[in-house]
Amino acid sequence: MSGPLWIMIAGPYTAGAADDAARAANLAALNRAAAAVLAKGHVPLVGVNLALPVIAAAGPDSFGRIMMPLSLALAARCDAVLRIGGASEGADREVALIGGRGGQVFHSLDAVPPAR
């Protein structure tokens, strides 16, 4: 491997989250993982962070038509994925997309090598 990878952080956001506090906790976990990936010298990307401002501008009824399409479009550009957290259909779709085209799939932060 040479240079930093673009690594998507995939995990639950709405899955298993009954309220705003639970979604915020899920997003915080995604962002903590992103900070750790950045510390290893890679470029971390969180689909939720891309989609939420667009959803806010488009209105709350836009969630279904914006969240996964933007997250999957981002996944299509990533070299690898770090899958964190519990059950999530959306995160599993991101993993399948990246892994299915030969991208690296990491299931723990320890498995992510430092960038060179």
PDB file of N, CA and C in Angstrom:
ATOM      1  N   MET A   1       0.845  -1.181   0.000  1.00  0.00           N
ATOM      2  CA  MET A   1       0.000   0.000   0.000  1.00  0.00           C
ATOM      3  C   MET A   1       0.883   1.235   0.000  1.00  0.00           C
ATOM      4  N   SER A   2       0.509   2.213  -0.797  1.00  0.00           N
ATOM      5  CA  SER A   2       1.250   3.465  -0.774  1.00  0.00           C
ATOM      6  C   SER A   2       0.268   4.613  -0.624  1.00  0.00           C
ATOM      7  N   GLY A   3       0.602   5.523   0.254  1.00  0.00           N
ATOM      8  CA  GLY A   3      -0.227   6.691   0.476  1.00  0.00           C
ATOM      9  C   GLY A   3      -1.485   6.394   1.255  1.00  0.00           C
ATOM     10  N   PRO A   4      -2.194   7.444   1.594  1.00  0.00           N
ATOM     11  CA  PRO A   4      -3.421   7.269   2.376  1.00  0.00           C
ATOM     12  C   PRO A   4      -4.555   6.692   1.536  1.00  0.00           C
ATOM     13  N   LEU A   5      -5.385   5.904   2.178  1.00  0.00           N
ATOM     14  CA  LEU A   5      -6.609   5.382   1.580  1.00  0.00           C
ATOM     15  C   LEU A   5      -7.767   6.306   1.920  1.00  0.00           C
ATOM     16  N   TRP A   6      -8.741   6.352   1.047  1.00  0.00           N
ATOM     17  CA  TRP A   6     -10.020   6.969   1.381  1.00  0.00           C
ATOM     18  C   TRP A   6     -10.851   5.859   1.992  1.00  0.00           C
ATOM     19  N   ILE A   7     -11.127   5.977   3.298  1.00  0.00           N
ATOM     20  CA  ILE A   7     -11.809   4.916   4.036  1.00  0.00           C
ATOM     21  C   ILE A   7     -13.166   5.396   4.528  1.00  0.00           C
ATOM     22  N   MET A   8     -14.221   4.748   4.035  1.00  0.00           N
ATOM     23  CA  MET A   8     -15.561   5.045   4.527  1.00  0.00           C
ATOM     24  C   MET A   8     -15.731   4.408   5.895  1.00  0.00           C
ATOM     25  N   ILE A   9     -16.337   5.140   6.805  1.00  0.00           N
ATOM     26  CA  ILE A   9     -16.699   4.609   8.112  1.00  0.00           C
ATOM     27  C   ILE A   9     -18.172   4.237   8.009  1.00  0.00           C
ATOM     28  N   ALA A  10     -18.469   2.950   8.099  1.00  0.00           N
ATOM     29  CA  ALA A  10     -19.832   2.450   7.931  1.00  0.00           C
ATOM     30  C   ALA A  10     -20.317   1.839   9.236  1.00  0.00           C
ATOM     31  N   GLY A  11     -21.466   2.304   9.679  1.00  0.00           N
ATOM     32  CA  GLY A  11     -22.070   1.782  10.898  1.00  0.00           C
ATOM     33  C   GLY A  11     -23.472   2.322  11.021  1.00  0.00           C
ATOM     34  N   PRO A  12     -24.172   1.917  12.055  1.00  0.00           N
ATOM     35  CA  PRO A  12     -25.559   2.365  12.209  1.00  0.00           C
ATOM     36  C   PRO A  12     -25.657   3.863  12.493  1.00  0.00           C
ATOM     37  N   TYR A  13     -26.660   4.470  11.902  1.00  0.00           N
ATOM     38  CA  TYR A  13     -27.052   5.839  12.248  1.00  0.00           C
ATOM     39  C   TYR A  13     -28.489   5.791  12.763  1.00  0.00           C
ATOM     40  N   THR A  14     -29.438   5.421  11.924  1.00  0.00           N
ATOM     41  CA  THR A  14     -30.828   5.318  12.371  1.00  0.00           C
ATOM     42  C   THR A  14     -31.159   3.920  12.869  1.00  0.00           C
ATOM     43  N   ALA A  15     -30.442   2.902  12.393  1.00  0.00           N
ATOM     44  CA  ALA A  15     -30.741   1.516  12.776  1.00  0.00           C
ATOM     45  C   ALA A  15     -30.599   1.346  14.287  1.00  0.00           C
ATOM     46  N   GLY A  16     -31.654   0.876  14.908  1.00  0.00           N
ATOM     47  CA  GLY A  16     -31.640   0.649  16.346  1.00  0.00           C
ATOM     48  C   GLY A  16     -31.712   1.914  17.179  1.00  0.00           C
ATOM     49  N   ALA A  17     -31.891   3.056  16.527  1.00  0.00           N
ATOM     50  CA  ALA A  17     -31.936   4.335  17.238  1.00  0.00           C
ATOM     51  C   ALA A  17     -33.382   4.811  17.338  1.00  0.00           C
ATOM     52  N   ALA A  18     -33.913   4.795  18.546  1.00  0.00           N
ATOM     53  CA  ALA A  18     -35.323   5.132  18.748  1.00  0.00           C
ATOM     54  C   ALA A  18     -35.591   6.628  18.811  1.00  0.00           C
ATOM     55  N   ASP A  19     -34.532   7.423  19.006  1.00  0.00           N
ATOM     56  CA  ASP A  19     -34.759   8.862  19.164  1.00  0.00           C
ATOM     57  C   ASP A  19     -33.528   9.649  18.724  1.00  0.00           C
ATOM     58  N   ASP A  20     -33.639  10.971  18.800  1.00  0.00           N
ATOM     59  CA  ASP A  20     -32.543  11.846  18.371  1.00  0.00           C
ATOM     60  C   ASP A  20     -31.268  11.601  19.173  1.00  0.00           C
ATOM     61  N   ALA A  21     -31.398  11.327  20.466  1.00  0.00           N
ATOM     62  CA  ALA A  21     -30.211  11.094  21.299  1.00  0.00           C
ATOM     63  C   ALA A  21     -29.469   9.841  20.849  1.00  0.00           C
ATOM     64  N   ALA A  22     -30.192   8.800  20.502  1.00  0.00           N
ATOM     65  CA  ALA A  22     -29.557   7.568  20.041  1.00  0.00           C
ATOM     66  C   ALA A  22     -28.889   7.775  18.684  1.00  0.00           C
ATOM     67  N   ARG A  23     -29.538   8.528  17.793  1.00  0.00           N
ATOM     68  CA  ARG A  23     -28.910   8.830  16.495  1.00  0.00           C
ATOM     69  C   ARG A  23     -27.658   9.674  16.701  1.00  0.00           C
ATOM     70  N   ALA A  24     -27.710  10.622  17.615  1.00  0.00           N
ATOM     71  CA  ALA A  24     -26.531  11.451  17.905  1.00  0.00           C
ATOM     72  C   ALA A  24     -25.392  10.595  18.455  1.00  0.00           C
ATOM     73  N   ALA A  25     -25.714   9.624  19.291  1.00  0.00           N
ATOM     74  CA  ALA A  25     -24.686   8.729  19.826  1.00  0.00           C
ATOM     75  C   ALA A  25     -24.080   7.878  18.713  1.00  0.00           C
ATOM     76  N   ASN A  26     -24.904   7.415  17.792  1.00  0.00           N
ATOM     77  CA  ASN A  26     -24.391   6.645  16.656  1.00  0.00           C
ATOM     78  C   ASN A  26     -23.477   7.502  15.785  1.00  0.00           C
ATOM     79  N   LEU A  27     -23.885   8.744  15.532  1.00  0.00           N
ATOM     80  CA  LEU A  27     -23.059   9.638  14.722  1.00  0.00           C
ATOM     81  C   LEU A  27     -21.744   9.941  15.432  1.00  0.00           C
ATOM     82  N   ALA A  28     -21.786  10.119  16.740  1.00  0.00           N
ATOM     83  CA  ALA A  28     -20.556  10.361  17.499  1.00  0.00           C
ATOM     84  C   ALA A  28     -19.606   9.172  17.374  1.00  0.00           C
ATOM     85  N   ALA A  29     -20.130   7.956  17.401  1.00  0.00           N
ATOM     86  CA  ALA A  29     -19.293   6.759  17.243  1.00  0.00           C
ATOM     87  C   ALA A  29     -18.656   6.726  15.850  1.00  0.00           C
ATOM     88  N   LEU A  30     -19.425   7.075  14.823  1.00  0.00           N
ATOM     89  CA  LEU A  30     -18.879   7.131  13.469  1.00  0.00           C
ATOM     90  C   LEU A  30     -17.753   8.151  13.386  1.00  0.00           C
ATOM     91  N   ASN A  31     -17.958   9.317  13.997  1.00  0.00           N
ATOM     92  CA  ASN A  31     -16.949  10.375  13.943  1.00  0.00           C
ATOM     93  C   ASN A  31     -15.720  10.063  14.791  1.00  0.00           C
ATOM     94  N   ARG A  32     -15.895   9.348  15.912  1.00  0.00           N
ATOM     95  CA  ARG A  32     -14.720   8.912  16.691  1.00  0.00           C
ATOM     96  C   ARG A  32     -13.873   7.945  15.873  1.00  0.00           C
ATOM     97  N   ALA A  33     -14.532   7.021  15.178  1.00  0.00           N
ATOM     98  CA  ALA A  33     -13.803   6.092  14.312  1.00  0.00           C
ATOM     99  C   ALA A  33     -13.094   6.857  13.195  1.00  0.00           C
ATOM    100  N   ALA A  34     -13.756   7.860  12.641  1.00  0.00           N
ATOM    101  CA  ALA A  34     -13.142   8.678  11.589  1.00  0.00           C
ATOM    102  C   ALA A  34     -11.889   9.382  12.115  1.00  0.00           C
ATOM    103  N   ALA A  35     -11.944   9.915  13.329  1.00  0.00           N
ATOM    104  CA  ALA A  35     -10.780  10.581  13.916  1.00  0.00           C
ATOM    105  C   ALA A  35      -9.628   9.598  14.092  1.00  0.00           C
ATOM    106  N   ALA A  36      -9.942   8.377  14.480  1.00  0.00           N
ATOM    107  CA  ALA A  36      -8.899   7.360  14.663  1.00  0.00           C
ATOM    108  C   ALA A  36      -8.286   6.954  13.321  1.00  0.00           C
ATOM    109  N   VAL A  37      -9.107   6.863  12.271  1.00  0.00           N
ATOM    110  CA  VAL A  37      -8.601   6.543  10.934  1.00  0.00           C
ATOM    111  C   VAL A  37      -7.715   7.680  10.431  1.00  0.00           C
ATOM    112  N   LEU A  38      -8.121   8.909  10.683  1.00  0.00           N
ATOM    113  CA  LEU A  38      -7.306  10.067  10.308  1.00  0.00           C
ATOM    114  C   LEU A  38      -5.958  10.030  11.022  1.00  0.00           C
ATOM    115  N   ALA A  39      -5.963   9.649  12.289  1.00  0.00           N
ATOM    116  CA  ALA A  39      -4.715   9.562  13.052  1.00  0.00           C
ATOM    117  C   ALA A  39      -3.767   8.522  12.474  1.00  0.00           C
ATOM    118  N   LYS A  40      -4.298   7.551  11.735  1.00  0.00           N
ATOM    119  CA  LYS A  40      -3.466   6.542  11.072  1.00  0.00           C
ATOM    120  C   LYS A  40      -2.968   7.035   9.714  1.00  0.00           C
ATOM    121  N   GLY A  41      -3.362   8.255   9.335  1.00  0.00           N
ATOM    122  CA  GLY A  41      -2.868   8.862   8.107  1.00  0.00           C
ATOM    123  C   GLY A  41      -3.761   8.709   6.896  1.00  0.00           C
ATOM    124  N   HIS A  42      -4.973   8.210   7.083  1.00  0.00           N
ATOM    125  CA  HIS A  42      -5.900   8.014   5.969  1.00  0.00           C
ATOM    126  C   HIS A  42      -6.943   9.129   5.924  1.00  0.00           C
ATOM    127  N   VAL A  43      -7.735   9.140   4.868  1.00  0.00           N
ATOM    128  CA  VAL A  43      -8.818  10.109   4.699  1.00  0.00           C
ATOM    129  C   VAL A  43     -10.122   9.409   5.083  1.00  0.00           C
ATOM    130  N   PRO A  44     -10.700   9.748   6.247  1.00  0.00           N
ATOM    131  CA  PRO A  44     -11.956   9.114   6.656  1.00  0.00           C
ATOM    132  C   PRO A  44     -13.152   9.850   6.068  1.00  0.00           C
ATOM    133  N   LEU A  45     -14.165   9.077   5.686  1.00  0.00           N
ATOM    134  CA  LEU A  45     -15.384   9.661   5.126  1.00  0.00           C
ATOM    135  C   LEU A  45     -16.590   9.007   5.777  1.00  0.00           C
ATOM    136  N   VAL A  46     -17.538   9.842   6.193  1.00  0.00           N
ATOM    137  CA  VAL A  46     -18.760   9.366   6.837  1.00  0.00           C
ATOM    138  C   VAL A  46     -19.929   9.843   5.983  1.00  0.00           C
ATOM    139  N   GLY A  47     -20.660   8.896   5.402  1.00  0.00           N
ATOM    140  CA  GLY A  47     -21.765   9.241   4.524  1.00  0.00           C
ATOM    141  C   GLY A  47     -22.819  10.103   5.195  1.00  0.00           C
ATOM    142  N   VAL A  48     -23.076   9.845   6.467  1.00  0.00           N
ATOM    143  CA  VAL A  48     -24.068  10.635   7.208  1.00  0.00           C
ATOM    144  C   VAL A  48     -23.659  12.107   7.249  1.00  0.00           C
ATOM    145  N   ASN A  49     -22.361  12.363   7.419  1.00  0.00           N
ATOM    146  CA  ASN A  49     -21.880  13.748   7.473  1.00  0.00           C
ATOM    147  C   ASN A  49     -22.045  14.465   6.141  1.00  0.00           C
ATOM    148  N   LEU A  50     -22.007  13.710   5.055  1.00  0.00           N
ATOM    149  CA  LEU A  50     -22.252  14.289   3.740  1.00  0.00           C
ATOM    150  C   LEU A  50     -23.737  14.580   3.547  1.00  0.00           C
ATOM    151  N   ALA A  51     -24.568  13.645   3.971  1.00  0.00           N
ATOM    152  CA  ALA A  51     -26.001  13.727   3.669  1.00  0.00           C
ATOM    153  C   ALA A  51     -26.790  14.666   4.581  1.00  0.00           C
ATOM    154  N   LEU A  52     -26.464  14.710   5.869  1.00  0.00           N
ATOM    155  CA  LEU A  52     -27.310  15.474   6.797  1.00  0.00           C
ATOM    156  C   LEU A  52     -27.462  16.953   6.445  1.00  0.00           C
ATOM    157  N   PRO A  53     -26.414  17.672   6.051  1.00  0.00           N
ATOM    158  CA  PRO A  53     -26.629  19.076   5.681  1.00  0.00           C
ATOM    159  C   PRO A  53     -27.522  19.242   4.454  1.00  0.00           C
ATOM    160  N   VAL A  54     -27.432  18.300   3.520  1.00  0.00           N
ATOM    161  CA  VAL A  54     -28.276  18.362   2.327  1.00  0.00           C
ATOM    162  C   VAL A  54     -29.730  18.094   2.712  1.00  0.00           C
ATOM    163  N   ILE A  55     -29.937  17.121   3.593  1.00  0.00           N
ATOM    164  CA  ILE A  55     -31.279  16.817   4.081  1.00  0.00           C
ATOM    165  C   ILE A  55     -31.859  18.015   4.829  1.00  0.00           C
ATOM    166  N   ALA A  56     -31.030  18.663   5.642  1.00  0.00           N
ATOM    167  CA  ALA A  56     -31.492  19.856   6.373  1.00  0.00           C
ATOM    168  C   ALA A  56     -31.946  20.948   5.414  1.00  0.00           C
ATOM    169  N   ALA A  57     -31.234  21.116   4.307  1.00  0.00           N
ATOM    170  CA  ALA A  57     -31.598  22.140   3.333  1.00  0.00           C
ATOM    171  C   ALA A  57     -32.829  21.742   2.528  1.00  0.00           C
ATOM    172  N   ALA A  58     -32.965  20.453   2.247  1.00  0.00           N
ATOM    173  CA  ALA A  58     -34.069  19.977   1.408  1.00  0.00           C
ATOM    174  C   ALA A  58     -35.348  19.723   2.195  1.00  0.00           C
ATOM    175  N   GLY A  59     -35.230  19.576   3.510  1.00  0.00           N
ATOM    176  CA  GLY A  59     -36.401  19.330   4.348  1.00  0.00           C
ATOM    177  C   GLY A  59     -36.425  17.907   4.863  1.00  0.00           C
ATOM    178  N   PRO A  60     -37.041  17.701   6.037  1.00  0.00           N
ATOM    179  CA  PRO A  60     -37.009  16.387   6.688  1.00  0.00           C
ATOM    180  C   PRO A  60     -37.668  15.272   5.880  1.00  0.00           C
ATOM    181  N   ASP A  61     -38.586  15.613   4.996  1.00  0.00           N
ATOM    182  CA  ASP A  61     -39.223  14.577   4.180  1.00  0.00           C
ATOM    183  C   ASP A  61     -38.292  14.049   3.090  1.00  0.00           C
ATOM    184  N   SER A  62     -37.096  14.630   2.971  1.00  0.00           N
ATOM    185  CA  SER A  62     -36.146  14.230   1.942  1.00  0.00           C
ATOM    186  C   SER A  62     -35.189  13.130   2.403  1.00  0.00           C
ATOM    187  N   PHE A  63     -35.241  12.755   3.675  1.00  0.00           N
ATOM    188  CA  PHE A  63     -34.283  11.795   4.236  1.00  0.00           C
ATOM    189  C   PHE A  63     -34.162  10.532   3.380  1.00  0.00           C
ATOM    190  N   GLY A  64     -35.275   9.919   3.064  1.00  0.00           N
ATOM    191  CA  GLY A  64     -35.271   8.651   2.338  1.00  0.00           C
ATOM    192  C   GLY A  64     -34.684   8.741   0.942  1.00  0.00           C
ATOM    193  N   ARG A  65     -34.835   9.871   0.291  1.00  0.00           N
ATOM    194  CA  ARG A  65     -34.328   9.978  -1.066  1.00  0.00           C
ATOM    195  C   ARG A  65     -32.925  10.559  -1.139  1.00  0.00           C
ATOM    196  N   ILE A  66     -32.381  10.991   0.015  1.00  0.00           N
ATOM    197  CA  ILE A  66     -31.045  11.590   0.012  1.00  0.00           C
ATOM    198  C   ILE A  66     -30.015  10.745   0.769  1.00  0.00           C
ATOM    199  N   MET A  67     -30.356  10.225   1.941  1.00  0.00           N
ATOM    200  CA  MET A  67     -29.342   9.594   2.802  1.00  0.00           C
ATOM    201  C   MET A  67     -28.595   8.467   2.103  1.00  0.00           C
ATOM    202  N   MET A  68     -29.260   7.412   1.721  1.00  0.00           N
ATOM    203  CA  MET A  68     -28.548   6.271   1.142  1.00  0.00           C
ATOM    204  C   MET A  68     -27.987   6.564  -0.248  1.00  0.00           C
ATOM    205  N   PRO A  69     -28.710   7.278  -1.121  1.00  0.00           N
ATOM    206  CA  PRO A  69     -28.092   7.571  -2.420  1.00  0.00           C
ATOM    207  C   PRO A  69     -26.770   8.331  -2.291  1.00  0.00           C
ATOM    208  N   LEU A  70     -26.705   9.326  -1.405  1.00  0.00           N
ATOM    209  CA  LEU A  70     -25.440  10.049  -1.235  1.00  0.00           C
ATOM    210  C   LEU A  70     -24.382   9.171  -0.580  1.00  0.00           C
ATOM    211  N   SER A  71     -24.771   8.407   0.431  1.00  0.00           N
ATOM    212  CA  SER A  71     -23.813   7.523   1.102  1.00  0.00           C
ATOM    213  C   SER A  71     -23.253   6.482   0.140  1.00  0.00           C
ATOM    214  N   LEU A  72     -24.098   5.917  -0.699  1.00  0.00           N
ATOM    215  CA  LEU A  72     -23.627   4.914  -1.651  1.00  0.00           C
ATOM    216  C   LEU A  72     -22.776   5.543  -2.754  1.00  0.00           C
ATOM    217  N   ALA A  73     -23.105   6.758  -3.163  1.00  0.00           N
ATOM    218  CA  ALA A  73     -22.272   7.454  -4.146  1.00  0.00           C
ATOM    219  C   ALA A  73     -20.877   7.715  -3.571  1.00  0.00           C
ATOM    220  N   LEU A  74     -20.825   8.077  -2.302  1.00  0.00           N
ATOM    221  CA  LEU A  74     -19.536   8.278  -1.641  1.00  0.00           C
ATOM    222  C   LEU A  74     -18.785   6.955  -1.544  1.00  0.00           C
ATOM    223  N   ALA A  75     -19.476   5.894  -1.163  1.00  0.00           N
ATOM    224  CA  ALA A  75     -18.852   4.568  -1.052  1.00  0.00           C
ATOM    225  C   ALA A  75     -18.228   4.143  -2.382  1.00  0.00           C
ATOM    226  N   ALA A  76     -18.865   4.511  -3.485  1.00  0.00           N
ATOM    227  CA  ALA A  76     -18.357   4.137  -4.797  1.00  0.00           C
ATOM    228  C   ALA A  76     -16.996   4.757  -5.085  1.00  0.00           C
ATOM    229  N   ARG A  77     -16.637   5.800  -4.350  1.00  0.00           N
ATOM    230  CA  ARG A  77     -15.359   6.495  -4.556  1.00  0.00           C
ATOM    231  C   ARG A  77     -14.289   6.107  -3.540  1.00  0.00           C
ATOM    232  N   CYS A  78     -14.647   5.294  -2.552  1.00  0.00           N
ATOM    233  CA  CYS A  78     -13.716   4.961  -1.473  1.00  0.00           C
ATOM    234  C   CYS A  78     -12.871   3.745  -1.813  1.00  0.00           C
ATOM    235  N   ASP A  79     -11.660   3.743  -1.262  1.00  0.00           N
ATOM    236  CA  ASP A  79     -10.734   2.627  -1.451  1.00  0.00           C
ATOM    237  C   ASP A  79     -11.024   1.486  -0.495  1.00  0.00           C
ATOM    238  N   ALA A  80     -11.610   1.810   0.651  1.00  0.00           N
ATOM    239  CA  ALA A  80     -11.788   0.830   1.726  1.00  0.00           C
ATOM    240  C   ALA A  80     -12.944   1.268   2.605  1.00  0.00           C
ATOM    241  N   VAL A  81     -13.326   0.361   3.518  1.00  0.00           N
ATOM    242  CA  VAL A  81     -14.398   0.647   4.465  1.00  0.00           C
ATOM    243  C   VAL A  81     -14.041   0.048   5.816  1.00  0.00           C
ATOM    244  N   LEU A  82     -14.340   0.794   6.861  1.00  0.00           N
ATOM    245  CA  LEU A  82     -14.241   0.301   8.233  1.00  0.00           C
ATOM    246  C   LEU A  82     -15.660   0.142   8.737  1.00  0.00           C
ATOM    247  N   ARG A  83     -16.062  -1.094   9.013  1.00  0.00           N
ATOM    248  CA  ARG A  83     -17.426  -1.381   9.497  1.00  0.00           C
ATOM    249  C   ARG A  83     -17.405  -1.403  11.014  1.00  0.00           C
ATOM    250  N   ILE A  84     -18.209  -0.540  11.610  1.00  0.00           N
ATOM    251  CA  ILE A  84     -18.278  -0.459  13.069  1.00  0.00           C
ATOM    252  C   ILE A  84     -19.720  -0.670  13.528  1.00  0.00           C
ATOM    253  N   GLY A  85     -19.883  -0.867  14.818  1.00  0.00           N
ATOM    254  CA  GLY A  85     -21.203  -0.885  15.435  1.00  0.00           C
ATOM    255  C   GLY A  85     -22.016  -2.127  15.144  1.00  0.00           C
ATOM    256  N   GLY A  86     -23.299  -1.986  15.405  1.00  0.00           N
ATOM    257  CA  GLY A  86     -24.226  -3.110  15.305  1.00  0.00           C
ATOM    258  C   GLY A  86     -24.900  -3.206  13.957  1.00  0.00           C
ATOM    259  N   ALA A  87     -26.054  -3.838  13.978  1.00  0.00           N
ATOM    260  CA  ALA A  87     -26.811  -4.099  12.758  1.00  0.00           C
ATOM    261  C   ALA A  87     -27.181  -2.802  12.046  1.00  0.00           C
ATOM    262  N   SER A  88     -26.993  -2.802  10.731  1.00  0.00           N
ATOM    263  CA  SER A  88     -27.366  -1.654   9.909  1.00  0.00           C
ATOM    264  C   SER A  88     -27.412  -2.090   8.454  1.00  0.00           C
ATOM    265  N   GLU A  89     -28.592  -2.079   7.874  1.00  0.00           N
ATOM    266  CA  GLU A  89     -28.743  -2.445   6.467  1.00  0.00           C
ATOM    267  C   GLU A  89     -27.960  -1.494   5.569  1.00  0.00           C
ATOM    268  N   GLY A  90     -28.023  -0.201   5.877  1.00  0.00           N
ATOM    269  CA  GLY A  90     -27.307   0.788   5.072  1.00  0.00           C
ATOM    270  C   GLY A  90     -25.801   0.582   5.122  1.00  0.00           C
ATOM    271  N   ALA A  91     -25.249   0.362   6.320  1.00  0.00           N
ATOM    272  CA  ALA A  91     -23.809   0.118   6.448  1.00  0.00           C
ATOM    273  C   ALA A  91     -23.421  -1.161   5.708  1.00  0.00           C
ATOM    274  N   ASP A  92     -24.257  -2.170   5.789  1.00  0.00           N
ATOM    275  CA  ASP A  92     -23.969  -3.417   5.081  1.00  0.00           C
ATOM    276  C   ASP A  92     -23.970  -3.203   3.565  1.00  0.00           C
ATOM    277  N   ARG A  93     -24.829  -2.325   3.083  1.00  0.00           N
ATOM    278  CA  ARG A  93     -24.840  -2.007   1.648  1.00  0.00           C
ATOM    279  C   ARG A  93     -23.553  -1.298   1.240  1.00  0.00           C
ATOM    280  N   GLU A  94     -23.063  -0.397   2.095  1.00  0.00           N
ATOM    281  CA  GLU A  94     -21.802   0.295   1.809  1.00  0.00           C
ATOM    282  C   GLU A  94     -20.642  -0.702   1.763  1.00  0.00           C
ATOM    283  N   VAL A  95     -20.601  -1.610   2.737  1.00  0.00           N
ATOM    284  CA  VAL A  95     -19.558  -2.641   2.773  1.00  0.00           C
ATOM    285  C   VAL A  95     -19.626  -3.507   1.514  1.00  0.00           C
ATOM    286  N   ALA A  96     -20.825  -3.936   1.134  1.00  0.00           N
ATOM    287  CA  ALA A  96     -20.987  -4.785  -0.046  1.00  0.00           C
ATOM    288  C   ALA A  96     -20.520  -4.062  -1.305  1.00  0.00           C
ATOM    289  N   LEU A  97     -20.819  -2.791  -1.419  1.00  0.00           N
ATOM    290  CA  LEU A  97     -20.421  -2.018  -2.596  1.00  0.00           C
ATOM    291  C   LEU A  97     -18.901  -1.921  -2.686  1.00  0.00           C
ATOM    292  N   ILE A  98     -18.274  -1.539  -1.582  1.00  0.00           N
ATOM    293  CA  ILE A  98     -16.822  -1.357  -1.589  1.00  0.00           C
ATOM    294  C   ILE A  98     -16.107  -2.705  -1.730  1.00  0.00           C
ATOM    295  N   GLY A  99     -16.513  -3.677  -0.933  1.00  0.00           N
ATOM    296  CA  GLY A  99     -15.887  -4.992  -1.010  1.00  0.00           C
ATOM    297  C   GLY A  99     -16.134  -5.681  -2.338  1.00  0.00           C
ATOM    298  N   GLY A 100     -17.321  -5.485  -2.902  1.00  0.00           N
ATOM    299  CA  GLY A 100     -17.689  -6.130  -4.148  1.00  0.00           C
ATOM    300  C   GLY A 100     -16.877  -5.685  -5.338  1.00  0.00           C
ATOM    301  N   ARG A 101     -16.299  -4.517  -5.254  1.00  0.00           N
ATOM    302  CA  ARG A 101     -15.453  -4.056  -6.350  1.00  0.00           C
ATOM    303  C   ARG A 101     -13.966  -4.139  -6.004  1.00  0.00           C
ATOM    304  N   GLY A 102     -13.663  -4.918  -4.959  1.00  0.00           N
ATOM    305  CA  GLY A 102     -12.265  -5.180  -4.621  1.00  0.00           C
ATOM    306  C   GLY A 102     -11.658  -4.263  -3.582  1.00  0.00           C
ATOM    307  N   GLY A 103     -12.462  -3.365  -3.016  1.00  0.00           N
ATOM    308  CA  GLY A 103     -11.947  -2.492  -1.967  1.00  0.00           C
ATOM    309  C   GLY A 103     -11.702  -3.278  -0.686  1.00  0.00           C
ATOM    310  N   GLN A 104     -10.845  -2.745   0.151  1.00  0.00           N
ATOM    311  CA  GLN A 104     -10.529  -3.403   1.412  1.00  0.00           C
ATOM    312  C   GLN A 104     -11.665  -3.200   2.411  1.00  0.00           C
ATOM    313  N   VAL A 105     -11.952  -4.251   3.171  1.00  0.00           N
ATOM    314  CA  VAL A 105     -12.987  -4.204   4.202  1.00  0.00           C
ATOM    315  C   VAL A 105     -12.314  -4.502   5.530  1.00  0.00           C
ATOM    316  N   PHE A 106     -12.395  -3.541   6.446  1.00  0.00           N
ATOM    317  CA  PHE A 106     -11.827  -3.691   7.778  1.00  0.00           C
ATOM    318  C   PHE A 106     -12.973  -3.822   8.781  1.00  0.00           C
ATOM    319  N   HIS A 107     -12.821  -4.738   9.732  1.00  0.00           N
ATOM    320  CA  HIS A 107     -13.853  -4.936  10.746  1.00  0.00           C
ATOM    321  C   HIS A 107     -13.410  -4.471  12.122  1.00  0.00           C
ATOM    322  N   SER A 108     -12.217  -3.887  12.192  1.00  0.00           N
ATOM    323  CA  SER A 108     -11.753  -3.285  13.441  1.00  0.00           C
ATOM    324  C   SER A 108     -10.724  -2.217  13.105  1.00  0.00           C
ATOM    325  N   LEU A 109     -10.603  -1.242  13.965  1.00  0.00           N
ATOM    326  CA  LEU A 109      -9.620  -0.190  13.773  1.00  0.00           C
ATOM    327  C   LEU A 109      -8.215  -0.778  13.777  1.00  0.00           C
ATOM    328  N   ASP A 110      -7.989  -1.795  14.595  1.00  0.00           N
ATOM    329  CA  ASP A 110      -6.662  -2.418  14.637  1.00  0.00           C
ATOM    330  C   ASP A 110      -6.256  -3.021  13.296  1.00  0.00           C
ATOM    331  N   ALA A 111      -7.218  -3.400  12.480  1.00  0.00           N
ATOM    332  CA  ALA A 111      -6.918  -3.996  11.184  1.00  0.00           C
ATOM    333  C   ALA A 111      -6.512  -2.949  10.140  1.00  0.00           C
ATOM    334  N   VAL A 112      -6.787  -1.680  10.401  1.00  0.00           N
ATOM    335  CA  VAL A 112      -6.440  -0.604   9.461  1.00  0.00           C
ATOM    336  C   VAL A 112      -4.949  -0.298   9.617  1.00  0.00           C
ATOM    337  N   PRO A 113      -4.173  -0.530   8.567  1.00  0.00           N
ATOM    338  CA  PRO A 113      -2.740  -0.258   8.672  1.00  0.00           C
ATOM    339  C   PRO A 113      -2.458   1.243   8.624  1.00  0.00           C
ATOM    340  N   PRO A 114      -1.351   1.662   9.176  1.00  0.00           N
ATOM    341  CA  PRO A 114      -0.992   3.079   9.020  1.00  0.00           C
ATOM    342  C   PRO A 114      -0.681   3.388   7.563  1.00  0.00           C
ATOM    343  N   ALA A 115      -0.969   4.612   7.137  1.00  0.00           N
ATOM    344  CA  ALA A 115      -0.638   5.027   5.772  1.00  0.00           C
ATOM    345  C   ALA A 115       0.868   5.181   5.660  1.00  0.00           C
ATOM    346  N   ARG A 116       1.371   4.989   4.478  1.00  0.00           N
ATOM    347  CA  ARG A 116       2.810   5.156   4.248  1.00  0.00           C
ATOM    348  C   ARG A 116       3.065   6.328   3.355  1.00  0.00           C
TER     349      ARG A 116
END
